Amino acid sequence: MNELIADIAAEIVYPAVGGTEELNLVKIFLAEQGRLKRIIAGMGLNAADCEDVLQDVSLKALKNSLKLKTKQQGLRWLVRVTVNECLAEHRRRKSFQKKTGEILRRKSQKKTKPADKKLIAAEELEIVRQGLKELDNDLRGPIVLRYFCDMNSNEISEILEQKPSTVRGRLRDARMILAKTLLERGVEP
């Protein structure tokens, strides 16, 4: 997929503005795919869904004729579209929350003790992912951007188009809910 997008981006001719090439969303997309993948994973989607979301975002970047002044403006647009695509994927799965709860209940009923520390860490990581999935969409977005992309509340507020104080409040609420969920499932935050 990356090669196809890179080929298409290379074929597009951009007019020179003041002797420099105009910024291109596709080039920014290609450079920032790692960050976008972390956002998608933090939004609770698996690897296959990650590729689907990235493909949708790349198509929107190809179709968009947004005039960019800075790379940061393009990155904000890509992050916003990626978060929206993740939320749309979750909405398409109406039974998402219900199935997640059933899987967790079945896991907690098993009484096996793994001997391997890596297995324990993987289970704890899965519990954290499930906890993130159970957060409301309003809380999940800010916490993923903060802890998976190392953004501060001002950067998050620009992307989500919210006040920085609202973002900080949602981060606090999300941390409290996530900590409570993890403690209930036997994981120390």
Protein backbone atom coordinates (compact mmCIF):
# COMPACT_ATOMS: atom_id res chain seq x y z
CA MET A 1 0.00 0.00 0.00
CA ASN A 2 2.81 2.44 0.92
CA GLU A 3 4.52 1.97 -2.45
CA LEU A 4 1.29 2.70 -4.33
CA ILE A 5 0.65 5.86 -2.30
CA ALA A 6 4.28 6.97 -2.75
CA ASP A 7 4.02 6.41 -6.54
CA ILE A 8 0.81 8.43 -6.74
CA ALA A 9 2.30 11.21 -4.60
CA ALA A 10 5.39 11.34 -6.83
CA GLU A 11 3.27 11.73 -9.97
CA ILE A 12 1.34 14.70 -8.64
CA VAL A 13 2.87 17.95 -9.81
CA TYR A 14 2.80 20.78 -7.30
CA PRO A 15 3.33 24.37 -8.31
CA ALA A 16 6.33 26.10 -6.82
CA VAL A 17 5.48 28.81 -4.32
CA GLY A 18 8.27 31.30 -3.77
CA GLY A 19 10.85 28.77 -4.98
CA THR A 20 9.74 25.99 -2.61
CA GLU A 21 7.52 23.00 -3.24
CA GLU A 22 4.02 23.21 -1.81
CA LEU A 23 3.41 20.99 1.20
CA ASN A 24 1.64 17.74 0.40
CA LEU A 25 -0.70 15.79 2.72
CA VAL A 26 0.35 12.48 1.17
CA LYS A 27 4.03 13.11 1.92
CA ILE A 28 3.18 14.08 5.50
CA PHE A 29 1.00 10.94 5.74
CA LEU A 30 3.89 8.74 4.60
CA ALA A 31 6.28 10.38 7.06
CA GLU A 32 3.87 10.14 10.01
CA GLN A 33 2.46 6.62 9.54
CA GLY A 34 4.12 5.36 12.72
CA ARG A 35 2.40 8.01 14.81
CA LEU A 36 -0.94 7.35 13.12
CA LYS A 37 -0.57 3.59 13.80
CA ARG A 38 0.03 4.31 17.50
CA ILE A 39 -3.12 6.44 17.59
CA ILE A 40 -5.13 3.69 15.93
CA ALA A 41 -3.78 1.06 18.35
CA GLY A 42 -4.55 3.33 21.26
CA MET A 43 -8.09 3.74 19.99
CA GLY A 44 -8.50 0.00 20.48
CA LEU A 45 -8.25 -1.31 16.93
CA ASN A 46 -6.24 -4.38 15.92
CA ALA A 47 -3.59 -4.62 13.19
CA ALA A 48 -6.02 -5.53 10.41
CA ASP A 49 -8.33 -2.65 11.31
CA CYS A 50 -5.26 -0.41 11.53
CA GLU A 51 -4.47 -1.08 7.88
CA ASP A 52 -8.09 -0.38 6.90
CA VAL A 53 -8.14 2.91 8.78
CA LEU A 54 -4.76 3.94 7.33
CA GLN A 55 -6.05 3.18 3.85
CA ASP A 56 -9.14 5.33 4.43
CA VAL A 57 -6.99 8.17 5.77
CA SER A 58 -4.58 7.91 2.82
CA LEU A 59 -7.48 8.09 0.36
CA LYS A 60 -8.82 11.19 2.09
CA ALA A 61 -5.33 12.72 1.98
CA LEU A 62 -5.11 11.98 -1.76
CA LYS A 63 -8.52 13.52 -2.43
CA ASN A 64 -8.02 16.56 -0.22
CA SER A 65 -6.92 19.78 -1.87
CA LEU A 66 -6.15 21.53 1.41
CA LYS A 67 -3.59 24.31 1.03
CA LEU A 68 -1.06 23.76 3.80
CA LYS A 69 1.09 26.48 5.22
CA THR A 70 2.97 24.27 7.69
CA LYS A 71 3.68 20.58 8.19
CA GLN A 72 2.05 20.87 11.62
CA GLN A 73 -1.22 21.94 10.01
CA GLY A 74 -1.16 18.84 7.81
CA LEU A 75 -0.30 16.61 10.77
CA ARG A 76 -3.21 18.02 12.79
CA TRP A 77 -5.53 17.31 9.87
CA LEU A 78 -4.23 13.73 9.55
CA VAL A 79 -4.54 13.06 13.30
CA ARG A 80 -8.07 14.46 13.37
CA VAL A 81 -9.11 12.35 10.36
CA THR A 82 -7.46 9.25 11.88
CA VAL A 83 -9.26 9.69 15.20
CA ASN A 84 -12.56 10.24 13.37
CA GLU A 85 -12.01 7.12 11.25
CA CYS A 86 -11.31 5.08 14.40
CA LEU A 87 -14.49 6.35 16.02
CA ALA A 88 -16.44 5.54 12.85
CA GLU A 89 -15.01 1.99 12.92
CA HIS A 90 -16.21 1.59 16.50
CA ARG A 91 -19.66 2.90 15.60
CA ARG A 92 -19.90 0.33 12.81
CA ARG A 93 -19.57 -2.35 15.46
CA LYS A 94 -22.63 -1.78 17.60
CA SER A 95 -21.94 -4.77 19.82
CA PHE A 96 -18.31 -3.76 20.45
CA GLN A 97 -18.70 -2.93 24.15
CA LYS A 98 -20.89 -5.95 24.85
CA LYS A 99 -18.50 -8.46 23.29
CA THR A 100 -15.52 -6.92 25.08
CA GLY A 101 -17.27 -7.33 28.43
CA GLU A 102 -18.06 -10.98 27.72
CA ILE A 103 -14.47 -11.76 26.75
CA LEU A 104 -13.19 -10.16 29.95
CA ARG A 105 -15.68 -12.09 32.06
CA ARG A 106 -14.57 -15.36 30.46
CA LYS A 107 -10.91 -14.47 31.01
CA SER A 108 -11.48 -13.68 34.69
CA GLN A 109 -13.24 -17.03 35.19
CA LYS A 110 -10.15 -18.95 34.10
CA LYS A 111 -8.02 -19.84 37.10
CA THR A 112 -4.74 -20.70 35.47
CA LYS A 113 -1.49 -19.21 36.72
CA PRO A 114 1.01 -18.48 33.93
CA ALA A 115 4.62 -19.09 34.87
CA ASP A 116 6.15 -16.91 32.22
CA LYS A 117 6.57 -13.19 33.04
CA LYS A 118 6.13 -12.28 29.37
CA LEU A 119 2.74 -13.96 29.35
CA ILE A 120 1.72 -12.02 32.46
CA ALA A 121 2.86 -8.76 30.86
CA ALA A 122 0.93 -9.59 27.68
CA GLU A 123 -2.21 -10.29 29.72
CA GLU A 124 -1.82 -7.02 31.61
CA LEU A 125 -1.33 -5.17 28.33
CA GLU A 126 -4.51 -6.74 26.99
CA ILE A 127 -6.39 -5.66 30.13
CA VAL A 128 -5.10 -2.10 29.62
CA ARG A 129 -6.26 -2.20 25.98
CA GLN A 130 -9.66 -3.47 27.04
CA GLY A 131 -9.85 -0.70 29.65
CA LEU A 132 -9.09 1.86 26.94
CA LYS A 133 -11.80 0.36 24.73
CA GLU A 134 -14.33 0.73 27.54
CA LEU A 135 -13.67 4.46 27.93
CA ASP A 136 -16.15 6.86 26.34
CA ASN A 137 -15.00 8.25 23.01
CA ASP A 138 -14.70 11.73 24.56
CA LEU A 139 -12.17 10.37 27.06
CA ARG A 140 -10.37 7.86 24.85
CA GLY A 141 -9.20 10.37 22.23
CA PRO A 142 -7.35 12.72 24.61
CA ILE A 143 -5.70 9.91 26.60
CA VAL A 144 -4.47 8.16 23.46
CA LEU A 145 -3.04 11.38 22.03
CA ARG A 146 -1.39 12.20 25.37
CA TYR A 147 0.19 8.85 26.21
CA PHE A 148 0.66 7.20 22.81
CA CYS A 149 1.75 10.30 20.89
CA ASP A 150 3.34 12.34 23.70
CA MET A 151 1.23 15.42 22.95
CA ASN A 152 0.51 18.07 25.56
CA SER A 153 -2.95 19.42 26.35
CA ASN A 154 -2.51 22.45 24.07
CA GLU A 155 -1.65 20.27 21.05
CA ILE A 156 -4.52 17.91 21.84
CA SER A 157 -6.92 20.84 22.18
CA GLU A 158 -5.98 22.07 18.70
CA ILE A 159 -6.50 18.65 17.16
CA LEU A 160 -9.78 17.90 18.92
CA GLU A 161 -10.92 21.54 18.69
CA GLN A 162 -11.59 21.80 22.41
CA LYS A 163 -10.39 24.13 25.15
CA PRO A 164 -7.13 23.06 26.85
CA SER A 165 -8.93 23.03 30.21
CA THR A 166 -11.54 20.63 28.80
CA VAL A 167 -8.77 18.37 27.54
CA ARG A 168 -7.03 18.40 30.93
CA GLY A 169 -10.31 17.55 32.66
CA ARG A 170 -10.98 14.68 30.28
CA LEU A 171 -7.44 13.39 30.76
CA ARG A 172 -7.95 13.42 34.52
CA ASP A 173 -11.32 11.66 34.25
CA ALA A 174 -9.92 9.05 31.85
CA ARG A 175 -6.94 8.33 34.14
CA MET A 176 -9.24 7.90 37.14
CA ILE A 177 -11.64 5.57 35.31
CA LEU A 178 -8.79 3.58 33.78
CA ALA A 179 -7.02 3.24 37.16
CA LYS A 180 -10.23 2.02 38.80
CA THR A 181 -10.83 -0.48 35.98
CA LEU A 182 -7.28 -1.81 36.20
CA LEU A 183 -7.46 -2.21 39.99
CA GLU A 184 -10.75 -4.10 39.68
CA ARG A 185 -9.07 -6.52 37.26
CA GLY A 186 -6.00 -7.04 39.42
CA VAL A 187 -3.52 -4.82 37.59
CA GLU A 188 -1.66 -2.14 39.51
CA PRO A 189 -1.53 1.08 37.42
